[in-house]
Amino acid sequence: MNKHLQQLIDLSFLDRDIDAFEPQIEEANSNYEAALAKTKSIDSDIENLTNEIKEEELKKSKNELHLAELSQKLEDNSKKSAEIKTEREMKSLQLEEEIAKEQVTFANEEIQRLDKIIEVKKEQIEVANTSLIELTASLTSVKSDVDAKLETINKERQAEFIKKEKLLGTINQKGLAFYQKIRRWAKNSTVVAVEEQACMGCHMVIGDKVFSDVIRADDITTCPHCGRILYVKPNEA
């Protein structure tokens, strides 16, 4: 086989192996990022619940203030009853008292309702805080595992980079430029095998003349259909 062709085949394998590390890195990082995102989500839930409790407590305090005003009004009306001189004044005062008592009942019921809502939200915060503590503790372990995995991946990837740098130091520059030009669009299918007389890049059948050139491997041969560099595996030549 032509030396320059073999170098391009070897380079394509190295590039493929190097690129294959990226999904591994992304997967390792995604495990930590997913756990981190969950803690942020719980933090956000706790913050929202806390703000909701403040809103409910504000509503409650307004009702309590209104209740105090109503109580004072009923107390004042009680004092006024001793000074009433006419039946009309008595009926007017009784109507005021009835309305005030209804408002007192409503205010008390509203305070009870708000108390229940606040209690439920506080319980939700408590559950969320427990989950957050557990998740934060596990986050350290997840980060440690991810870092260890990334260290292994990076060591393996660095070893491939060293092989590539060594190969690039010996490769024909004209052939390298040709390879890089194709790789810009073909990515990891820059150099592909021919199987059953078909290019494994575009899966188109190549002619007998081109196929014969690929088998001989005296020079670099490209697919007449897609332009990828072609070779035949030793056991299929």
Protein backbone atom coordinates (compact mmCIF):
# COMPACT_ATOMS: atom_id res chain seq x y z
CA MET A 1 0.00 0.00 0.00
CA ASN A 2 1.13 3.53 -0.78
CA LYS A 3 2.87 4.98 2.31
CA HIS A 4 1.01 8.29 2.12
CA LEU A 5 -2.34 6.52 1.84
CA GLN A 6 -1.54 4.39 4.88
CA GLN A 7 -0.66 7.54 6.83
CA LEU A 8 -3.99 9.13 5.94
CA ILE A 9 -5.82 5.96 6.95
CA ASP A 10 -3.97 5.95 10.29
CA LEU A 11 -4.71 9.67 10.74
CA SER A 12 -8.41 9.13 10.06
CA PHE A 13 -8.54 6.40 12.71
CA LEU A 14 -6.82 8.68 15.24
CA ASP A 15 -9.16 11.58 14.47
CA ARG A 16 -12.13 9.25 14.85
CA ASP A 17 -10.84 7.98 18.20
CA ILE A 18 -10.15 11.51 19.44
CA ASP A 19 -13.61 12.73 18.43
CA ALA A 20 -15.16 9.73 20.15
CA PHE A 21 -14.00 11.13 23.50
CA GLU A 22 -16.31 14.16 23.21
CA PRO A 23 -19.58 12.25 23.81
CA GLN A 24 -17.92 10.53 26.77
CA ILE A 25 -16.92 13.89 28.24
CA GLU A 26 -20.40 15.31 27.63
CA GLU A 27 -22.03 12.29 29.25
CA ALA A 28 -19.76 12.52 32.31
CA ASN A 29 -20.43 16.25 32.68
CA SER A 30 -24.16 15.80 32.14
CA ASN A 31 -24.40 13.57 35.24
CA TYR A 32 -23.04 16.35 37.45
CA GLU A 33 -24.95 19.10 35.61
CA ALA A 34 -28.21 17.17 36.03
CA ALA A 35 -27.63 16.84 39.79
CA LEU A 36 -26.64 20.51 40.01
CA ALA A 37 -29.71 21.57 38.04
CA LYS A 38 -31.88 19.61 40.47
CA THR A 39 -30.40 21.44 43.47
CA LYS A 40 -31.00 24.77 41.73
CA SER A 41 -34.58 23.72 41.01
CA ILE A 42 -35.16 22.85 44.68
CA ASP A 43 -33.55 26.15 45.72
CA SER A 44 -35.92 27.95 43.37
CA ASP A 45 -38.91 26.03 44.78
CA ILE A 46 -37.92 26.97 48.34
CA GLU A 47 -37.54 30.62 47.35
CA ASN A 48 -40.94 30.62 45.63
CA LEU A 49 -42.62 28.95 48.61
CA THR A 50 -40.98 31.45 50.99
CA ASN A 51 -42.28 34.36 48.91
CA GLU A 52 -45.74 32.77 48.77
CA ILE A 53 -45.74 32.41 52.58
CA LYS A 54 -44.85 36.11 52.91
CA GLU A 55 -47.80 36.99 50.65
CA GLU A 56 -50.18 34.79 52.66
CA GLU A 57 -48.89 36.25 55.94
CA LEU A 58 -49.44 39.75 54.56
CA LYS A 59 -53.04 38.81 53.71
CA LYS A 60 -53.41 37.34 57.17
CA SER A 61 -52.09 40.48 58.88
CA LYS A 62 -54.53 42.62 56.88
CA ASN A 63 -57.39 40.41 58.02
CA GLU A 64 -56.16 40.57 61.61
CA LEU A 65 -56.01 44.36 61.38
CA HIS A 66 -59.52 44.45 59.93
CA LEU A 67 -60.68 42.09 62.68
CA ALA A 68 -59.26 44.44 65.32
CA GLU A 69 -61.07 47.35 63.69
CA LEU A 70 -64.34 45.40 63.68
CA SER A 71 -63.90 44.42 67.32
CA GLN A 72 -63.37 48.06 68.21
CA LYS A 73 -66.44 49.02 66.18
CA LEU A 74 -68.59 46.45 67.99
CA GLU A 75 -67.26 47.68 71.30
CA ASP A 76 -68.09 51.29 70.35
CA ASN A 77 -71.57 50.25 69.19
CA SER A 78 -72.14 48.55 72.51
CA LYS A 79 -71.42 51.84 74.28
CA LYS A 80 -73.64 53.73 71.83
CA SER A 81 -76.60 51.44 72.59
CA ALA A 82 -76.96 53.05 76.00
CA GLU A 83 -77.39 56.46 74.39
CA ILE A 84 -80.00 55.41 71.78
CA LYS A 85 -83.24 57.41 72.00
CA THR A 86 -85.26 56.31 68.98
CA GLU A 87 -86.29 53.01 67.39
CA ARG A 88 -84.76 54.14 64.11
CA GLU A 89 -81.39 54.63 65.75
CA MET A 90 -81.74 51.19 67.37
CA LYS A 91 -82.43 49.47 64.03
CA SER A 92 -79.54 51.30 62.36
CA LEU A 93 -77.19 50.25 65.14
CA GLN A 94 -78.40 46.64 64.99
CA LEU A 95 -77.82 46.56 61.23
CA GLU A 96 -74.29 47.85 61.72
CA GLU A 97 -73.67 45.19 64.34
CA GLU A 98 -74.99 42.41 62.09
CA ILE A 99 -72.78 43.53 59.21
CA ALA A 100 -69.79 43.86 61.51
CA LYS A 101 -70.40 40.38 62.99
CA GLU A 102 -70.64 38.88 59.50
CA GLN A 103 -67.35 40.56 58.61
CA VAL A 104 -65.81 39.26 61.83
CA THR A 105 -66.91 35.72 60.94
CA PHE A 106 -65.51 36.09 57.41
CA ALA A 107 -62.21 37.54 58.70
CA ASN A 108 -61.79 34.68 61.20
CA GLU A 109 -62.54 32.09 58.53
CA GLU A 110 -60.09 33.77 56.15
CA ILE A 111 -57.38 33.81 58.83
CA GLN A 112 -57.95 30.10 59.48
CA ARG A 113 -57.77 29.37 55.73
CA LEU A 114 -54.56 31.36 55.36
CA ASP A 115 -53.05 29.62 58.41
CA LYS A 116 -53.66 26.23 56.75
CA ILE A 117 -52.07 27.41 53.49
CA ILE A 118 -49.04 28.77 55.36
CA GLU A 119 -48.71 25.51 57.33
CA VAL A 120 -48.81 23.41 54.13
CA LYS A 121 -46.20 25.60 52.42
CA LYS A 122 -43.92 25.45 55.48
CA GLU A 123 -44.19 21.65 55.41
CA GLN A 124 -43.29 21.72 51.69
CA ILE A 125 -40.24 23.86 52.48
CA GLU A 126 -39.21 21.40 55.17
CA VAL A 127 -39.45 18.48 52.73
CA ALA A 128 -37.58 20.46 50.08
CA ASN A 129 -34.82 21.37 52.54
CA THR A 130 -34.41 17.71 53.50
CA SER A 131 -34.12 16.76 49.82
CA LEU A 132 -31.68 19.61 49.24
CA ILE A 133 -29.43 18.47 52.09
CA GLU A 134 -29.40 14.90 50.77
CA LEU A 135 -28.80 16.04 47.20
CA THR A 136 -26.04 18.44 48.18
CA ALA A 137 -24.30 15.64 50.05
CA SER A 138 -24.55 13.33 47.04
CA LEU A 139 -23.43 16.16 44.74
CA THR A 140 -19.95 16.01 46.23
CA SER A 141 -19.77 12.30 45.51
CA VAL A 142 -21.10 12.79 41.96
CA LYS A 143 -18.54 15.54 41.31
CA SER A 144 -15.77 13.30 42.60
CA ASP A 145 -16.86 10.43 40.33
CA VAL A 146 -17.16 12.74 37.33
CA ASP A 147 -13.72 14.26 37.96
CA ALA A 148 -12.17 10.78 38.20
CA LYS A 149 -13.88 9.70 34.98
CA LEU A 150 -12.83 12.89 33.17
CA GLU A 151 -9.25 12.43 34.32
CA THR A 152 -9.20 8.92 32.83
CA ILE A 153 -10.81 10.12 29.60
CA ASN A 154 -8.40 13.04 29.27
CA LYS A 155 -5.40 10.77 29.82
CA GLU A 156 -6.61 8.41 27.11
CA ARG A 157 -7.37 11.31 24.79
CA GLN A 158 -3.98 12.88 25.43
CA ALA A 159 -2.33 9.58 24.48
CA GLU A 160 -4.21 9.68 21.16
CA PHE A 161 -3.15 13.31 20.64
CA ILE A 162 0.49 12.33 21.15
CA LYS A 163 0.14 9.56 18.54
CA LYS A 164 -1.45 12.06 16.17
CA GLU A 165 1.29 14.67 16.69
CA LYS A 166 3.91 12.02 16.06
CA LEU A 167 2.16 10.96 12.85
CA LEU A 168 1.74 14.57 11.68
CA GLY A 169 5.50 15.02 12.01
CA THR A 170 6.10 12.39 9.34
CA ILE A 171 3.09 12.80 7.06
CA ASN A 172 3.29 14.28 3.57
CA GLN A 173 2.09 17.90 3.81
CA LYS A 174 0.41 17.89 0.41
CA GLY A 175 -1.52 14.75 1.33
CA LEU A 176 -2.36 16.25 4.75
CA ALA A 177 -3.74 19.43 3.16
CA PHE A 178 -5.86 17.28 0.82
CA TYR A 179 -7.12 15.23 3.79
CA GLN A 180 -7.97 18.32 5.84
CA LYS A 181 -9.86 19.86 2.93
CA ILE A 182 -12.12 16.80 2.70
CA ARG A 183 -12.42 16.49 6.50
CA ARG A 184 -13.93 19.98 6.73
CA TRP A 185 -17.17 18.58 5.33
CA ALA A 186 -16.81 14.80 5.63
CA LYS A 187 -15.70 14.83 9.29
CA ASN A 188 -14.92 11.27 10.44
CA SER A 189 -15.85 9.77 7.10
CA THR A 190 -12.97 11.48 5.26
CA VAL A 191 -11.27 8.11 4.65
CA VAL A 192 -13.65 5.21 4.11
CA ALA A 193 -13.41 1.57 3.13
CA VAL A 194 -14.82 0.06 -0.04
CA GLU A 195 -17.09 -2.92 0.59
CA GLU A 196 -18.73 -4.96 -2.18
CA GLN A 197 -17.35 -2.36 -4.61
CA ALA A 198 -19.29 0.45 -2.89
CA CYS A 199 -17.98 3.55 -1.12
CA MET A 200 -18.94 3.32 2.55
CA GLY A 201 -19.18 7.11 2.70
CA CYS A 202 -21.93 7.68 0.12
CA HIS A 203 -22.80 3.98 -0.44
CA MET A 204 -22.58 4.39 -4.20
CA VAL A 205 -21.07 1.63 -6.34
CA ILE A 206 -17.77 2.63 -7.94
CA GLY A 207 -16.62 1.58 -11.41
CA ASP A 208 -14.25 -1.30 -12.10
CA LYS A 209 -11.34 1.03 -13.03
CA VAL A 210 -11.60 3.03 -9.79
CA PHE A 211 -12.09 -0.15 -7.79
CA SER A 212 -8.96 -1.63 -9.38
CA ASP A 213 -6.99 1.52 -8.43
CA VAL A 214 -8.25 1.28 -4.85
CA ILE A 215 -7.20 -2.38 -4.61
CA ARG A 216 -3.72 -1.67 -5.97
CA ALA A 217 -3.36 1.24 -3.52
CA ASP A 218 -0.41 2.65 -5.46
CA ASP A 219 -1.79 6.13 -5.00
CA ILE A 220 -4.54 8.01 -3.14
CA THR A 221 -7.87 7.32 -4.85
CA THR A 222 -11.07 9.22 -4.18
CA CYS A 223 -14.70 8.26 -4.68
CA PRO A 224 -15.93 9.59 -8.04
CA HIS A 225 -19.32 10.28 -6.44
CA CYS A 226 -18.53 11.99 -3.13
CA GLY A 227 -14.79 12.70 -3.19
CA ARG A 228 -13.88 10.76 -0.03
CA ILE A 229 -10.54 8.96 0.14
CA LEU A 230 -10.98 5.23 -0.49
CA TYR A 231 -9.14 2.13 0.66
CA VAL A 232 -9.76 -1.61 0.83
CA LYS A 233 -9.32 -3.54 4.04
CA PRO A 234 -6.46 -6.08 3.80
CA ASN A 235 -8.73 -9.12 4.10
CA GLU A 236 -11.00 -7.78 1.34
CA ALA A 237 -8.37 -6.76 -1.21
